């Protein structure tokens, strides 16, 4: 599964406002909504950013896990993360490791969101 790649717009290693505690934040590329007051309009283009595999993204995130402590973890934002089913293997690996996952979405891909919640791959949806 690690061969699957997705476009990652950017990451933030020490986020403190996109979920509880200190977080590693992943901003995915692509969003069709074009909301007027979007916080990240620079992430709208689908193929902006860098193609990353699950393992590459996980390796980067884990470099910062000592900062997460008990309340921190990983936030996946965007763009629209629910457009990216290729992130599911990443979410599964992160959950298997016991880390807290915060998902920031506009909810426009409800079936994918429902699937992630049913599989318990996200801890909080905003």
PDB file of N, CA and C in Angstrom:
ATOM      1  N   UNK A   1       0.809  -1.206   0.000  1.00  0.00           N
ATOM      2  CA  UNK A   1       0.000   0.000   0.000  1.00  0.00           C
ATOM      3  C   UNK A   1       0.848   1.265   0.000  1.00  0.00           C
ATOM      4  N   UNK A   2       2.071   1.162   0.423  1.00  0.00           N
ATOM      5  CA  UNK A   2       2.928   2.329   0.530  1.00  0.00           C
ATOM      6  C   UNK A   2       3.233   2.961  -0.818  1.00  0.00           C
ATOM      7  N   UNK A   3       3.019   2.216  -1.902  1.00  0.00           N
ATOM      8  CA  UNK A   3       3.321   2.744  -3.219  1.00  0.00           C
ATOM      9  C   UNK A   3       2.333   3.838  -3.645  1.00  0.00           C
ATOM     10  N   UNK A   4       1.146   3.842  -3.058  1.00  0.00           N
ATOM     11  CA  UNK A   4       0.149   4.853  -3.395  1.00  0.00           C
ATOM     12  C   UNK A   4       0.655   6.206  -2.934  1.00  0.00           C
ATOM     13  N   UNK A   5       0.584   7.187  -3.829  1.00  0.00           N
ATOM     14  CA  UNK A   5       1.046   8.529  -3.494  1.00  0.00           C
ATOM     15  C   UNK A   5      -0.108   9.517  -3.564  1.00  0.00           C
ATOM     16  N   UNK A   6      -0.013  10.547  -2.762  1.00  0.00           N
ATOM     17  CA  UNK A   6      -0.983  11.625  -2.780  1.00  0.00           C
ATOM     18  C   UNK A   6      -0.264  12.955  -2.723  1.00  0.00           C
ATOM     19  N   UNK A   7      -0.941  13.998  -3.210  1.00  0.00           N
ATOM     20  CA  UNK A   7      -0.340  15.330  -3.196  1.00  0.00           C
ATOM     21  C   UNK A   7      -0.490  15.983  -1.832  1.00  0.00           C
ATOM     22  N   UNK A   8       0.637  16.312  -1.250  1.00  0.00           N
ATOM     23  CA  UNK A   8       0.676  17.011   0.031  1.00  0.00           C
ATOM     24  C   UNK A   8       1.130  18.438  -0.244  1.00  0.00           C
ATOM     25  N   UNK A   9       0.267  19.384   0.058  1.00  0.00           N
ATOM     26  CA  UNK A   9       0.585  20.797  -0.171  1.00  0.00           C
ATOM     27  C   UNK A   9       1.731  21.230   0.731  1.00  0.00           C
ATOM     28  N   UNK A  10       1.595  20.921   2.033  1.00  0.00           N
ATOM     29  CA  UNK A  10       2.625  21.313   2.991  1.00  0.00           C
ATOM     30  C   UNK A  10       2.359  20.617   4.323  1.00  0.00           C
ATOM     31  N   UNK A  11       3.314  20.746   5.223  1.00  0.00           N
ATOM     32  CA  UNK A  11       3.152  20.231   6.580  1.00  0.00           C
ATOM     33  C   UNK A  11       3.616  21.291   7.569  1.00  0.00           C
ATOM     34  N   UNK A  12       3.159  21.139   8.786  1.00  0.00           N
ATOM     35  CA  UNK A  12       3.590  22.019   9.870  1.00  0.00           C
ATOM     36  C   UNK A  12       4.015  21.118  11.027  1.00  0.00           C
ATOM     37  N   UNK A  13       5.192  21.321  11.511  1.00  0.00           N
ATOM     38  CA  UNK A  13       5.749  20.391  12.499  1.00  0.00           C
ATOM     39  C   UNK A  13       5.330  20.661  13.938  1.00  0.00           C
ATOM     40  N   UNK A  14       4.879  21.851  14.239  1.00  0.00           N
ATOM     41  CA  UNK A  14       4.624  22.220  15.637  1.00  0.00           C
ATOM     42  C   UNK A  14       3.344  23.042  15.744  1.00  0.00           C
ATOM     43  N   UNK A  15       2.251  22.503  15.208  1.00  0.00           N
ATOM     44  CA  UNK A  15       0.978  23.221  15.220  1.00  0.00           C
ATOM     45  C   UNK A  15       0.352  23.224  16.597  1.00  0.00           C
ATOM     46  N   UNK A  16      -0.241  24.351  16.953  1.00  0.00           N
ATOM     47  CA  UNK A  16      -0.873  24.449  18.271  1.00  0.00           C
ATOM     48  C   UNK A  16      -2.308  24.969  18.212  1.00  0.00           C
ATOM     49  N   UNK A  17      -2.853  25.184  17.019  1.00  0.00           N
ATOM     50  CA  UNK A  17      -4.217  25.703  16.929  1.00  0.00           C
ATOM     51  C   UNK A  17      -5.159  24.804  16.126  1.00  0.00           C
ATOM     52  N   UNK A  18      -4.665  23.769  15.489  1.00  0.00           N
ATOM     53  CA  UNK A  18      -5.490  22.904  14.652  1.00  0.00           C
ATOM     54  C   UNK A  18      -5.787  21.576  15.333  1.00  0.00           C
ATOM     55  N   UNK A  19      -6.242  21.662  16.573  1.00  0.00           N
ATOM     56  CA  UNK A  19      -6.566  20.479  17.357  1.00  0.00           C
ATOM     57  C   UNK A  19      -5.922  20.561  18.722  1.00  0.00           C
ATOM     58  N   UNK A  20      -6.248  19.598  19.576  1.00  0.00           N
ATOM     59  CA  UNK A  20      -5.712  19.635  20.946  1.00  0.00           C
ATOM     60  C   UNK A  20      -4.213  19.349  20.997  1.00  0.00           C
ATOM     61  N   UNK A  21      -3.536  19.999  21.903  1.00  0.00           N
ATOM     62  CA  UNK A  21      -2.110  19.768  22.106  1.00  0.00           C
ATOM     63  C   UNK A  21      -1.254  20.226  20.943  1.00  0.00           C
ATOM     64  N   UNK A  22      -0.026  19.781  20.936  1.00  0.00           N
ATOM     65  CA  UNK A  22       0.908  20.075  19.853  1.00  0.00           C
ATOM     66  C   UNK A  22       0.699  19.016  18.773  1.00  0.00           C
ATOM     67  N   UNK A  23       0.632  19.468  17.507  1.00  0.00           N
ATOM     68  CA  UNK A  23       0.244  18.571  16.424  1.00  0.00           C
ATOM     69  C   UNK A  23       1.172  18.694  15.224  1.00  0.00           C
ATOM     70  N   UNK A  24       1.313  17.585  14.516  1.00  0.00           N
ATOM     71  CA  UNK A  24       1.905  17.586  13.187  1.00  0.00           C
ATOM     72  C   UNK A  24       0.724  17.761  12.243  1.00  0.00           C
ATOM     73  N   UNK A  25       0.769  18.774  11.384  1.00  0.00           N
ATOM     74  CA  UNK A  25      -0.372  19.081  10.520  1.00  0.00           C
ATOM     75  C   UNK A  25       0.003  18.807   9.072  1.00  0.00           C
ATOM     76  N   UNK A  26      -0.892  18.102   8.412  1.00  0.00           N
ATOM     77  CA  UNK A  26      -0.732  17.780   7.001  1.00  0.00           C
ATOM     78  C   UNK A  26      -1.799  18.540   6.231  1.00  0.00           C
ATOM     79  N   UNK A  27      -1.366  19.354   5.278  1.00  0.00           N
ATOM     80  CA  UNK A  27      -2.289  20.079   4.408  1.00  0.00           C
ATOM     81  C   UNK A  27      -2.258  19.393   3.045  1.00  0.00           C
ATOM     82  N   UNK A  28      -3.370  18.749   2.680  1.00  0.00           N
ATOM     83  CA  UNK A  28      -3.437  18.076   1.379  1.00  0.00           C
ATOM     84  C   UNK A  28      -3.784  19.086   0.298  1.00  0.00           C
ATOM     85  N   UNK A  29      -3.484  18.721  -0.939  1.00  0.00           N
ATOM     86  CA  UNK A  29      -3.793  19.581  -2.084  1.00  0.00           C
ATOM     87  C   UNK A  29      -5.154  19.205  -2.662  1.00  0.00           C
ATOM     88  N   UNK A  30      -5.895  20.214  -3.044  1.00  0.00           N
ATOM     89  CA  UNK A  30      -7.137  20.004  -3.760  1.00  0.00           C
ATOM     90  C   UNK A  30      -8.385  20.219  -2.940  1.00  0.00           C
ATOM     91  N   UNK A  31      -9.263  21.065  -3.481  1.00  0.00           N
ATOM     92  CA  UNK A  31     -10.595  21.251  -2.912  1.00  0.00           C
ATOM     93  C   UNK A  31     -11.485  21.889  -3.966  1.00  0.00           C
ATOM     94  N   UNK A  32     -12.626  21.283  -4.253  1.00  0.00           N
ATOM     95  CA  UNK A  32     -13.524  21.820  -5.273  1.00  0.00           C
ATOM     96  C   UNK A  32     -14.472  22.906  -4.764  1.00  0.00           C
ATOM     97  N   UNK A  33     -14.539  23.137  -3.469  1.00  0.00           N
ATOM     98  CA  UNK A  33     -15.573  23.997  -2.898  1.00  0.00           C
ATOM     99  C   UNK A  33     -15.372  25.488  -3.163  1.00  0.00           C
ATOM    100  N   UNK A  34     -14.159  25.974  -3.086  1.00  0.00           N
ATOM    101  CA  UNK A  34     -13.851  27.395  -3.299  1.00  0.00           C
ATOM    102  C   UNK A  34     -14.668  28.314  -2.381  1.00  0.00           C
ATOM    103  N   UNK A  35     -14.728  27.958  -1.119  1.00  0.00           N
ATOM    104  CA  UNK A  35     -15.491  28.751  -0.140  1.00  0.00           C
ATOM    105  C   UNK A  35     -14.943  30.173  -0.053  1.00  0.00           C
ATOM    106  N   UNK A  36     -15.824  31.122   0.045  1.00  0.00           N
ATOM    107  CA  UNK A  36     -15.442  32.529   0.029  1.00  0.00           C
ATOM    108  C   UNK A  36     -14.452  32.882   1.134  1.00  0.00           C
ATOM    109  N   UNK A  37     -14.641  32.352   2.305  1.00  0.00           N
ATOM    110  CA  UNK A  37     -13.772  32.699   3.435  1.00  0.00           C
ATOM    111  C   UNK A  37     -12.849  31.545   3.821  1.00  0.00           C
ATOM    112  N   UNK A  38     -12.405  30.790   2.839  1.00  0.00           N
ATOM    113  CA  UNK A  38     -11.513  29.655   3.055  1.00  0.00           C
ATOM    114  C   UNK A  38     -10.236  30.109   3.756  1.00  0.00           C
ATOM    115  N   UNK A  39      -9.821  29.324   4.734  1.00  0.00           N
ATOM    116  CA  UNK A  39      -8.606  29.624   5.487  1.00  0.00           C
ATOM    117  C   UNK A  39      -7.344  29.302   4.687  1.00  0.00           C
ATOM    118  N   UNK A  40      -7.446  28.369   3.723  1.00  0.00           N
ATOM    119  CA  UNK A  40      -6.273  27.921   2.969  1.00  0.00           C
ATOM    120  C   UNK A  40      -6.529  27.888   1.455  1.00  0.00           C
ATOM    121  N   UNK A  41      -6.863  28.993   0.830  1.00  0.00           N
ATOM    122  CA  UNK A  41      -7.140  28.944  -0.613  1.00  0.00           C
ATOM    123  C   UNK A  41      -5.931  28.533  -1.456  1.00  0.00           C
ATOM    124  N   UNK A  42      -4.748  28.639  -0.903  1.00  0.00           N
ATOM    125  CA  UNK A  42      -3.548  28.216  -1.636  1.00  0.00           C
ATOM    126  C   UNK A  42      -3.482  26.694  -1.800  1.00  0.00           C
ATOM    127  N   UNK A  43      -4.362  25.959  -1.131  1.00  0.00           N
ATOM    128  CA  UNK A  43      -4.377  24.495  -1.234  1.00  0.00           C
ATOM    129  C   UNK A  43      -5.411  23.984  -2.231  1.00  0.00           C
ATOM    130  N   UNK A  44      -6.129  24.858  -2.912  1.00  0.00           N
ATOM    131  CA  UNK A  44      -7.238  24.438  -3.778  1.00  0.00           C
ATOM    132  C   UNK A  44      -6.810  23.588  -4.970  1.00  0.00           C
ATOM    133  N   UNK A  45      -5.672  23.892  -5.569  1.00  0.00           N
ATOM    134  CA  UNK A  45      -5.256  23.177  -6.781  1.00  0.00           C
ATOM    135  C   UNK A  45      -4.901  21.729  -6.445  1.00  0.00           C
ATOM    136  N   UNK A  46      -5.450  20.812  -7.219  1.00  0.00           N
ATOM    137  CA  UNK A  46      -5.342  19.392  -6.926  1.00  0.00           C
ATOM    138  C   UNK A  46      -3.914  18.861  -6.973  1.00  0.00           C
ATOM    139  N   UNK A  47      -3.117  19.302  -7.886  1.00  0.00           N
ATOM    140  CA  UNK A  47      -1.791  18.715  -8.034  1.00  0.00           C
ATOM    141  C   UNK A  47      -0.664  19.667  -7.654  1.00  0.00           C
ATOM    142  N   UNK A  48      -0.953  20.599  -6.774  1.00  0.00           N
ATOM    143  CA  UNK A  48       0.101  21.417  -6.187  1.00  0.00           C
ATOM    144  C   UNK A  48       0.720  20.631  -5.050  1.00  0.00           C
ATOM    145  N   UNK A  49       1.949  20.874  -4.785  1.00  0.00           N
ATOM    146  CA  UNK A  49       2.589  20.199  -3.672  1.00  0.00           C
ATOM    147  C   UNK A  49       3.472  19.072  -4.131  1.00  0.00           C
ATOM    148  N   UNK A  50       3.732  18.173  -3.219  1.00  0.00           N
ATOM    149  CA  UNK A  50       4.679  17.091  -3.464  1.00  0.00           C
ATOM    150  C   UNK A  50       3.979  15.743  -3.314  1.00  0.00           C
ATOM    151  N   UNK A  51       4.245  14.844  -4.248  1.00  0.00           N
ATOM    152  CA  UNK A  51       3.703  13.494  -4.140  1.00  0.00           C
ATOM    153  C   UNK A  51       4.433  12.754  -3.026  1.00  0.00           C
ATOM    154  N   UNK A  52       3.669  12.185  -2.097  1.00  0.00           N
ATOM    155  CA  UNK A  52       4.247  11.461  -0.965  1.00  0.00           C
ATOM    156  C   UNK A  52       3.555  10.114  -0.806  1.00  0.00           C
ATOM    157  N   UNK A  53       4.330   9.108  -0.407  1.00  0.00           N
ATOM    158  CA  UNK A  53       3.749   7.821  -0.053  1.00  0.00           C
ATOM    159  C   UNK A  53       3.353   7.844   1.421  1.00  0.00           C
ATOM    160  N   UNK A  54       2.574   6.848   1.818  1.00  0.00           N
ATOM    161  CA  UNK A  54       2.205   6.689   3.222  1.00  0.00           C
ATOM    162  C   UNK A  54       3.444   6.647   4.105  1.00  0.00           C
ATOM    163  N   UNK A  55       4.413   5.830   3.726  1.00  0.00           N
ATOM    164  CA  UNK A  55       5.609   5.675   4.551  1.00  0.00           C
ATOM    165  C   UNK A  55       6.449   6.947   4.617  1.00  0.00           C
ATOM    166  N   UNK A  56       6.537   7.677   3.509  1.00  0.00           N
ATOM    167  CA  UNK A  56       7.286   8.937   3.519  1.00  0.00           C
ATOM    168  C   UNK A  56       6.633   9.945   4.457  1.00  0.00           C
ATOM    169  N   UNK A  57       5.320  10.045   4.380  1.00  0.00           N
ATOM    170  CA  UNK A  57       4.584  10.986   5.223  1.00  0.00           C
ATOM    171  C   UNK A  57       4.691  10.586   6.692  1.00  0.00           C
ATOM    172  N   UNK A  58       4.562   9.302   6.960  1.00  0.00           N
ATOM    173  CA  UNK A  58       4.655   8.819   8.333  1.00  0.00           C
ATOM    174  C   UNK A  58       6.048   9.054   8.914  1.00  0.00           C
ATOM    175  N   UNK A  59       7.071   8.801   8.133  1.00  0.00           N
ATOM    176  CA  UNK A  59       8.448   9.024   8.585  1.00  0.00           C
ATOM    177  C   UNK A  59       8.661  10.485   8.964  1.00  0.00           C
ATOM    178  N   UNK A  60       8.143  11.394   8.159  1.00  0.00           N
ATOM    179  CA  UNK A  60       8.262  12.823   8.460  1.00  0.00           C
ATOM    180  C   UNK A  60       7.523  13.164   9.739  1.00  0.00           C
ATOM    181  N   UNK A  61       6.281  12.692   9.867  1.00  0.00           N
ATOM    182  CA  UNK A  61       5.466  12.996  11.050  1.00  0.00           C
ATOM    183  C   UNK A  61       6.115  12.485  12.331  1.00  0.00           C
ATOM    184  N   UNK A  62       6.622  11.267  12.290  1.00  0.00           N
ATOM    185  CA  UNK A  62       7.165  10.649  13.498  1.00  0.00           C
ATOM    186  C   UNK A  62       8.427  11.322  14.019  1.00  0.00           C
ATOM    187  N   UNK A  63       9.067  12.117  13.200  1.00  0.00           N
ATOM    188  CA  UNK A  63      10.227  12.875  13.679  1.00  0.00           C
ATOM    189  C   UNK A  63       9.832  13.843  14.785  1.00  0.00           C
ATOM    190  N   UNK A  64       8.551  14.192  14.864  1.00  0.00           N
ATOM    191  CA  UNK A  64       8.088  15.210  15.812  1.00  0.00           C
ATOM    192  C   UNK A  64       7.230  14.637  16.936  1.00  0.00           C
ATOM    193  N   UNK A  65       7.111  13.321  17.034  1.00  0.00           N
ATOM    194  CA  UNK A  65       6.190  12.723  18.004  1.00  0.00           C
ATOM    195  C   UNK A  65       6.549  13.032  19.455  1.00  0.00           C
ATOM    196  N   UNK A  66       7.790  13.321  19.757  1.00  0.00           N
ATOM    197  CA  UNK A  66       8.162  13.626  21.144  1.00  0.00           C
ATOM    198  C   UNK A  66       7.497  14.912  21.631  1.00  0.00           C
ATOM    199  N   UNK A  67       7.057  15.756  20.724  1.00  0.00           N
ATOM    200  CA  UNK A  67       6.382  17.011  21.100  1.00  0.00           C
ATOM    201  C   UNK A  67       4.893  16.812  21.379  1.00  0.00           C
ATOM    202  N   UNK A  68       4.315  15.716  20.906  1.00  0.00           N
ATOM    203  CA  UNK A  68       2.865  15.528  20.982  1.00  0.00           C
ATOM    204  C   UNK A  68       2.382  15.255  22.401  1.00  0.00           C
ATOM    205  N   UNK A  69       3.184  14.584  23.194  1.00  0.00           N
ATOM    206  CA  UNK A  69       2.821  14.204  24.569  1.00  0.00           C
ATOM    207  C   UNK A  69       1.486  13.449  24.572  1.00  0.00           C
ATOM    208  N   UNK A  70       0.659  13.643  25.604  1.00  0.00           N
ATOM    209  CA  UNK A  70      -0.600  12.897  25.730  1.00  0.00           C
ATOM    210  C   UNK A  70      -1.740  13.502  24.912  1.00  0.00           C
ATOM    211  N   UNK A  71      -1.724  14.801  24.695  1.00  0.00           N
ATOM    212  CA  UNK A  71      -2.869  15.463  24.069  1.00  0.00           C
ATOM    213  C   UNK A  71      -2.667  15.786  22.602  1.00  0.00           C
ATOM    214  N   UNK A  72      -1.465  15.688  22.098  1.00  0.00           N
ATOM    215  CA  UNK A  72      -1.184  16.048  20.714  1.00  0.00           C
ATOM    216  C   UNK A  72      -1.407  14.904  19.758  1.00  0.00           C
ATOM    217  N   UNK A  73      -0.911  15.070  18.534  1.00  0.00           N
ATOM    218  CA  UNK A  73      -1.066  14.038  17.521  1.00  0.00           C
ATOM    219  C   UNK A  73      -0.932  14.611  16.129  1.00  0.00           C
ATOM    220  N   UNK A  74      -1.774  14.125  15.237  1.00  0.00           N
ATOM    221  CA  UNK A  74      -1.721  14.520  13.837  1.00  0.00           C
ATOM    222  C   UNK A  74      -3.057  15.114  13.414  1.00  0.00           C
ATOM    223  N   UNK A  75      -2.988  16.219  12.688  1.00  0.00           N
ATOM    224  CA  UNK A  75      -4.166  16.827  12.088  1.00  0.00           C
ATOM    225  C   UNK A  75      -4.008  16.729  10.575  1.00  0.00           C
ATOM    226  N   UNK A  76      -5.074  16.292   9.911  1.00  0.00           N
ATOM    227  CA  UNK A  76      -5.101  16.263   8.445  1.00  0.00           C
ATOM    228  C   UNK A  76      -6.104  17.319   8.013  1.00  0.00           C
ATOM    229  N   UNK A  77      -5.630  18.272   7.220  1.00  0.00           N
ATOM    230  CA  UNK A  77      -6.427  19.408   6.785  1.00  0.00           C
ATOM    231  C   UNK A  77      -6.211  19.588   5.294  1.00  0.00           C
ATOM    232  N   UNK A  78      -6.511  20.744   4.806  1.00  0.00           N
ATOM    233  CA  UNK A  78      -6.319  20.940   3.371  1.00  0.00           C
ATOM    234  C   UNK A  78      -6.521  22.362   2.974  1.00  0.00           C
ATOM    235  N   UNK A  79      -6.917  22.332   1.762  1.00  0.00           N
ATOM    236  CA  UNK A  79      -7.643  21.479   0.855  1.00  0.00           C
ATOM    237  C   UNK A  79      -8.710  20.668   1.579  1.00  0.00           C
ATOM    238  N   UNK A  80      -9.182  19.666   0.864  1.00  0.00           N
ATOM    239  CA  UNK A  80     -10.208  18.780   1.398  1.00  0.00           C
ATOM    240  C   UNK A  80      -9.654  17.369   1.531  1.00  0.00           C
ATOM    241  N   UNK A  81      -9.331  16.948   2.769  1.00  0.00           N
ATOM    242  CA  UNK A  81      -8.726  15.639   2.969  1.00  0.00           C
ATOM    243  C   UNK A  81      -9.616  14.470   2.569  1.00  0.00           C
ATOM    244  N   UNK A  82     -10.928  14.642   2.599  1.00  0.00           N
ATOM    245  CA  UNK A  82     -11.817  13.534   2.253  1.00  0.00           C
ATOM    246  C   UNK A  82     -11.805  13.199   0.765  1.00  0.00           C
ATOM    247  N   UNK A  83     -11.201  14.061  -0.059  1.00  0.00           N
ATOM    248  CA  UNK A  83     -11.027  13.753  -1.479  1.00  0.00           C
ATOM    249  C   UNK A  83      -9.939  12.698  -1.671  1.00  0.00           C
ATOM    250  N   UNK A  84      -9.163  12.447  -0.656  1.00  0.00           N
ATOM    251  CA  UNK A  84      -7.944  11.667  -0.789  1.00  0.00           C
ATOM    252  C   UNK A  84      -8.038  10.314  -0.093  1.00  0.00           C
ATOM    253  N   UNK A  85      -8.647   9.353  -0.744  1.00  0.00           N
ATOM    254  CA  UNK A  85      -8.713   8.003  -0.178  1.00  0.00           C
ATOM    255  C   UNK A  85      -7.331   7.380  -0.069  1.00  0.00           C
ATOM    256  N   UNK A  86      -6.364   7.913  -0.810  1.00  0.00           N
ATOM    257  CA  UNK A  86      -5.000   7.391  -0.713  1.00  0.00           C
ATOM    258  C   UNK A  86      -4.375   7.685   0.654  1.00  0.00           C
ATOM    259  N   UNK A  87      -5.014   8.542   1.454  1.00  0.00           N
ATOM    260  CA  UNK A  87      -4.545   8.801   2.815  1.00  0.00           C
ATOM    261  C   UNK A  87      -5.003   7.738   3.809  1.00  0.00           C
ATOM    262  N   UNK A  88      -5.968   6.914   3.437  1.00  0.00           N
ATOM    263  CA  UNK A  88      -6.513   5.918   4.365  1.00  0.00           C
ATOM    264  C   UNK A  88      -5.446   4.987   4.942  1.00  0.00           C
ATOM    265  N   UNK A  89      -4.503   4.457   4.137  1.00  0.00           N
ATOM    266  CA  UNK A  89      -3.455   3.608   4.727  1.00  0.00           C
ATOM    267  C   UNK A  89      -2.603   4.367   5.757  1.00  0.00           C
ATOM    268  N   UNK A  90      -2.374   5.643   5.514  1.00  0.00           N
ATOM    269  CA  UNK A  90      -1.642   6.474   6.467  1.00  0.00           C
ATOM    270  C   UNK A  90      -2.421   6.566   7.778  1.00  0.00           C
ATOM    271  N   UNK A  91      -3.718   6.857   7.685  1.00  0.00           N
ATOM    272  CA  UNK A  91      -4.554   6.974   8.880  1.00  0.00           C
ATOM    273  C   UNK A  91      -4.568   5.661   9.656  1.00  0.00           C
ATOM    274  N   UNK A  92      -4.657   4.540   8.949  1.00  0.00           N
ATOM    275  CA  UNK A  92      -4.658   3.231   9.610  1.00  0.00           C
ATOM    276  C   UNK A  92      -3.362   3.008  10.384  1.00  0.00           C
ATOM    277  N   UNK A  93      -2.239   3.336   9.772  1.00  0.00           N
ATOM    278  CA  UNK A  93      -0.953   3.147  10.449  1.00  0.00           C
ATOM    279  C   UNK A  93      -0.839   4.046  11.674  1.00  0.00           C
ATOM    280  N   UNK A  94      -1.278   5.288  11.545  1.00  0.00           N
ATOM    281  CA  UNK A  94      -1.209   6.227  12.665  1.00  0.00           C
ATOM    282  C   UNK A  94      -2.080   5.736  13.819  1.00  0.00           C
ATOM    283  N   UNK A  95      -3.289   5.251  13.515  1.00  0.00           N
ATOM    284  CA  UNK A  95      -4.186   4.755  14.568  1.00  0.00           C
ATOM    285  C   UNK A  95      -3.617   3.507  15.231  1.00  0.00           C
ATOM    286  N   UNK A  96      -3.000   2.622  14.437  1.00  0.00           N
ATOM    287  CA  UNK A  96      -2.391   1.415  15.000  1.00  0.00           C
ATOM    288  C   UNK A  96      -1.271   1.769  15.976  1.00  0.00           C
ATOM    289  N   UNK A  97      -0.650   2.911  15.753  1.00  0.00           N
ATOM    290  CA  UNK A  97       0.417   3.370  16.646  1.00  0.00           C
ATOM    291  C   UNK A  97      -0.147   4.084  17.873  1.00  0.00           C
ATOM    292  N   UNK A  98      -1.462   4.325  17.894  1.00  0.00           N
ATOM    293  CA  UNK A  98      -2.122   4.910  19.055  1.00  0.00           C
ATOM    294  C   UNK A  98      -2.137   6.421  19.118  1.00  0.00           C
ATOM    295  N   UNK A  99      -1.896   7.084  18.004  1.00  0.00           N
ATOM    296  CA  UNK A  99      -1.881   8.543  18.011  1.00  0.00           C
ATOM    297  C   UNK A  99      -3.266   9.123  17.694  1.00  0.00           C
ATOM    298  N   UNK A 100      -3.526  10.304  18.215  1.00  0.00           N
ATOM    299  CA  UNK A 100      -4.793  11.018  18.042  1.00  0.00           C
ATOM    300  C   UNK A 100      -4.820  11.687  16.667  1.00  0.00           C
ATOM    301  N   UNK A 101      -5.890  11.445  15.916  1.00  0.00           N
ATOM    302  CA  UNK A 101      -6.037  12.048  14.589  1.00  0.00           C
ATOM    303  C   UNK A 101      -7.211  13.011  14.588  1.00  0.00           C
ATOM    304  N   UNK A 102      -6.911  14.233  14.212  1.00  0.00           N
ATOM    305  CA  UNK A 102      -7.899  15.296  14.059  1.00  0.00           C
ATOM    306  C   UNK A 102      -8.088  15.520  12.553  1.00  0.00           C
ATOM    307  N   UNK A 103      -9.313  15.504  12.077  1.00  0.00           N
ATOM    308  CA  UNK A 103      -9.597  15.689  10.659  1.00  0.00           C
ATOM    309  C   UNK A 103     -10.374  16.983  10.465  1.00  0.00           C
ATOM    310  N   UNK A 104      -9.824  17.878   9.653  1.00  0.00           N
ATOM    311  CA  UNK A 104     -10.496  19.142   9.369  1.00  0.00           C
ATOM    312  C   UNK A 104     -11.048  19.072   7.950  1.00  0.00           C
ATOM    313  N   UNK A 105     -12.375  19.140   7.823  1.00  0.00           N
ATOM    314  CA  UNK A 105     -13.038  18.920   6.554  1.00  0.00           C
ATOM    315  C   UNK A 105     -14.242  19.834   6.399  1.00  0.00           C
ATOM    316  N   UNK A 106     -14.666  20.018   5.138  1.00  0.00           N
ATOM    317  CA  UNK A 106     -15.923  20.732   4.910  1.00  0.00           C
ATOM    318  C   UNK A 106     -17.076  19.741   4.827  1.00  0.00           C
ATOM    319  N   UNK A 107     -16.790  18.458   4.914  1.00  0.00           N
ATOM    320  CA  UNK A 107     -17.817  17.425   4.960  1.00  0.00           C
ATOM    321  C   UNK A 107     -18.472  17.091   3.634  1.00  0.00           C
ATOM    322  N   UNK A 108     -17.921  17.602   2.541  1.00  0.00           N
ATOM    323  CA  UNK A 108     -18.583  17.423   1.244  1.00  0.00           C
ATOM    324  C   UNK A 108     -18.457  16.005   0.685  1.00  0.00           C
ATOM    325  N   UNK A 109     -17.582  15.198   1.251  1.00  0.00           N
ATOM    326  CA  UNK A 109     -17.440  13.794   0.833  1.00  0.00           C
ATOM    327  C   UNK A 109     -17.906  12.923   1.988  1.00  0.00           C
ATOM    328  N   UNK A 110     -19.207  12.977   2.231  1.00  0.00           N
ATOM    329  CA  UNK A 110     -19.779  12.374   3.427  1.00  0.00           C
ATOM    330  C   UNK A 110     -19.563  10.860   3.505  1.00  0.00           C
ATOM    331  N   UNK A 111     -19.668  10.154   2.396  1.00  0.00           N
ATOM    332  CA  UNK A 111     -19.512   8.698   2.435  1.00  0.00           C
ATOM    333  C   UNK A 111     -18.102   8.304   2.888  1.00  0.00           C
ATOM    334  N   UNK A 112     -17.109   9.048   2.435  1.00  0.00           N
ATOM    335  CA  UNK A 112     -15.741   8.757   2.882  1.00  0.00           C
ATOM    336  C   UNK A 112     -15.600   9.083   4.362  1.00  0.00           C
ATOM    337  N   UNK A 113     -16.165  10.187   4.791  1.00  0.00           N
ATOM    338  CA  UNK A 113     -16.133  10.550   6.203  1.00  0.00           C
ATOM    339  C   UNK A 113     -16.805   9.464   7.044  1.00  0.00           C
ATOM    340  N   UNK A 114     -17.961   9.025   6.609  1.00  0.00           N
ATOM    341  CA  UNK A 114     -18.697   7.979   7.326  1.00  0.00           C
ATOM    342  C   UNK A 114     -17.845   6.722   7.453  1.00  0.00           C
ATOM    343  N   UNK A 115     -17.165   6.350   6.391  1.00  0.00           N
ATOM    344  CA  UNK A 115     -16.308   5.172   6.399  1.00  0.00           C
ATOM    345  C   UNK A 115     -15.159   5.318   7.400  1.00  0.00           C
ATOM    346  N   UNK A 116     -14.517   6.480   7.411  1.00  0.00           N
ATOM    347  CA  UNK A 116     -13.405   6.713   8.345  1.00  0.00           C
ATOM    348  C   UNK A 116     -13.869   6.656   9.796  1.00  0.00           C
ATOM    349  N   UNK A 117     -15.042   7.225  10.059  1.00  0.00           N
ATOM    350  CA  UNK A 117     -15.588   7.218  11.423  1.00  0.00           C
ATOM    351  C   UNK A 117     -15.958   5.788  11.829  1.00  0.00           C
ATOM    352  N   UNK A 118     -16.601   5.055  10.929  1.00  0.00           N
ATOM    353  CA  UNK A 118     -16.982   3.674  11.239  1.00  0.00           C
ATOM    354  C   UNK A 118     -15.777   2.783  11.503  1.00  0.00           C
ATOM    355  N   UNK A 119     -14.675   3.031  10.790  1.00  0.00           N
ATOM    356  CA  UNK A 119     -13.441   2.266  10.991  1.00  0.00           C
ATOM    357  C   UNK A 119     -12.625   2.774  12.171  1.00  0.00           C
ATOM    358  N   UNK A 120     -13.104   3.846  12.799  1.00  0.00           N
ATOM    359  CA  UNK A 120     -12.428   4.486  13.925  1.00  0.00           C
ATOM    360  C   UNK A 120     -11.012   4.936  13.558  1.00  0.00           C
ATOM    361  N   UNK A 121     -10.889   5.533  12.355  1.00  0.00           N
ATOM    362  CA  UNK A 121      -9.602   6.023  11.884  1.00  0.00           C
ATOM    363  C   UNK A 121      -9.382   7.498  12.195  1.00  0.00           C
ATOM    364  N   UNK A 122     -10.403   8.164  12.714  1.00  0.00           N
ATOM    365  CA  UNK A 122     -10.263   9.546  13.144  1.00  0.00           C
ATOM    366  C   UNK A 122     -10.838   9.678  14.551  1.00  0.00           C
ATOM    367  N   UNK A 123     -10.236  10.553  15.338  1.00  0.00           N
ATOM    368  CA  UNK A 123     -10.705  10.753  16.705  1.00  0.00           C
ATOM    369  C   UNK A 123     -11.623  11.960  16.826  1.00  0.00           C
ATOM    370  N   UNK A 124     -11.406  12.924  15.972  1.00  0.00           N
ATOM    371  CA  UNK A 124     -12.200  14.160  16.043  1.00  0.00           C
ATOM    372  C   UNK A 124     -12.324  14.723  14.639  1.00  0.00           C
ATOM    373  N   UNK A 125     -13.531  15.164  14.307  1.00  0.00           N
ATOM    374  CA  UNK A 125     -13.800  15.776  13.001  1.00  0.00           C
ATOM    375  C   UNK A 125     -14.256  17.202  13.246  1.00  0.00           C
ATOM    376  N   UNK A 126     -13.590  18.119  12.554  1.00  0.00           N
ATOM    377  CA  UNK A 126     -13.929  19.537  12.682  1.00  0.00           C
ATOM    378  C   UNK A 126     -14.276  20.064  11.313  1.00  0.00           C
TER     379      UNK A 126
END
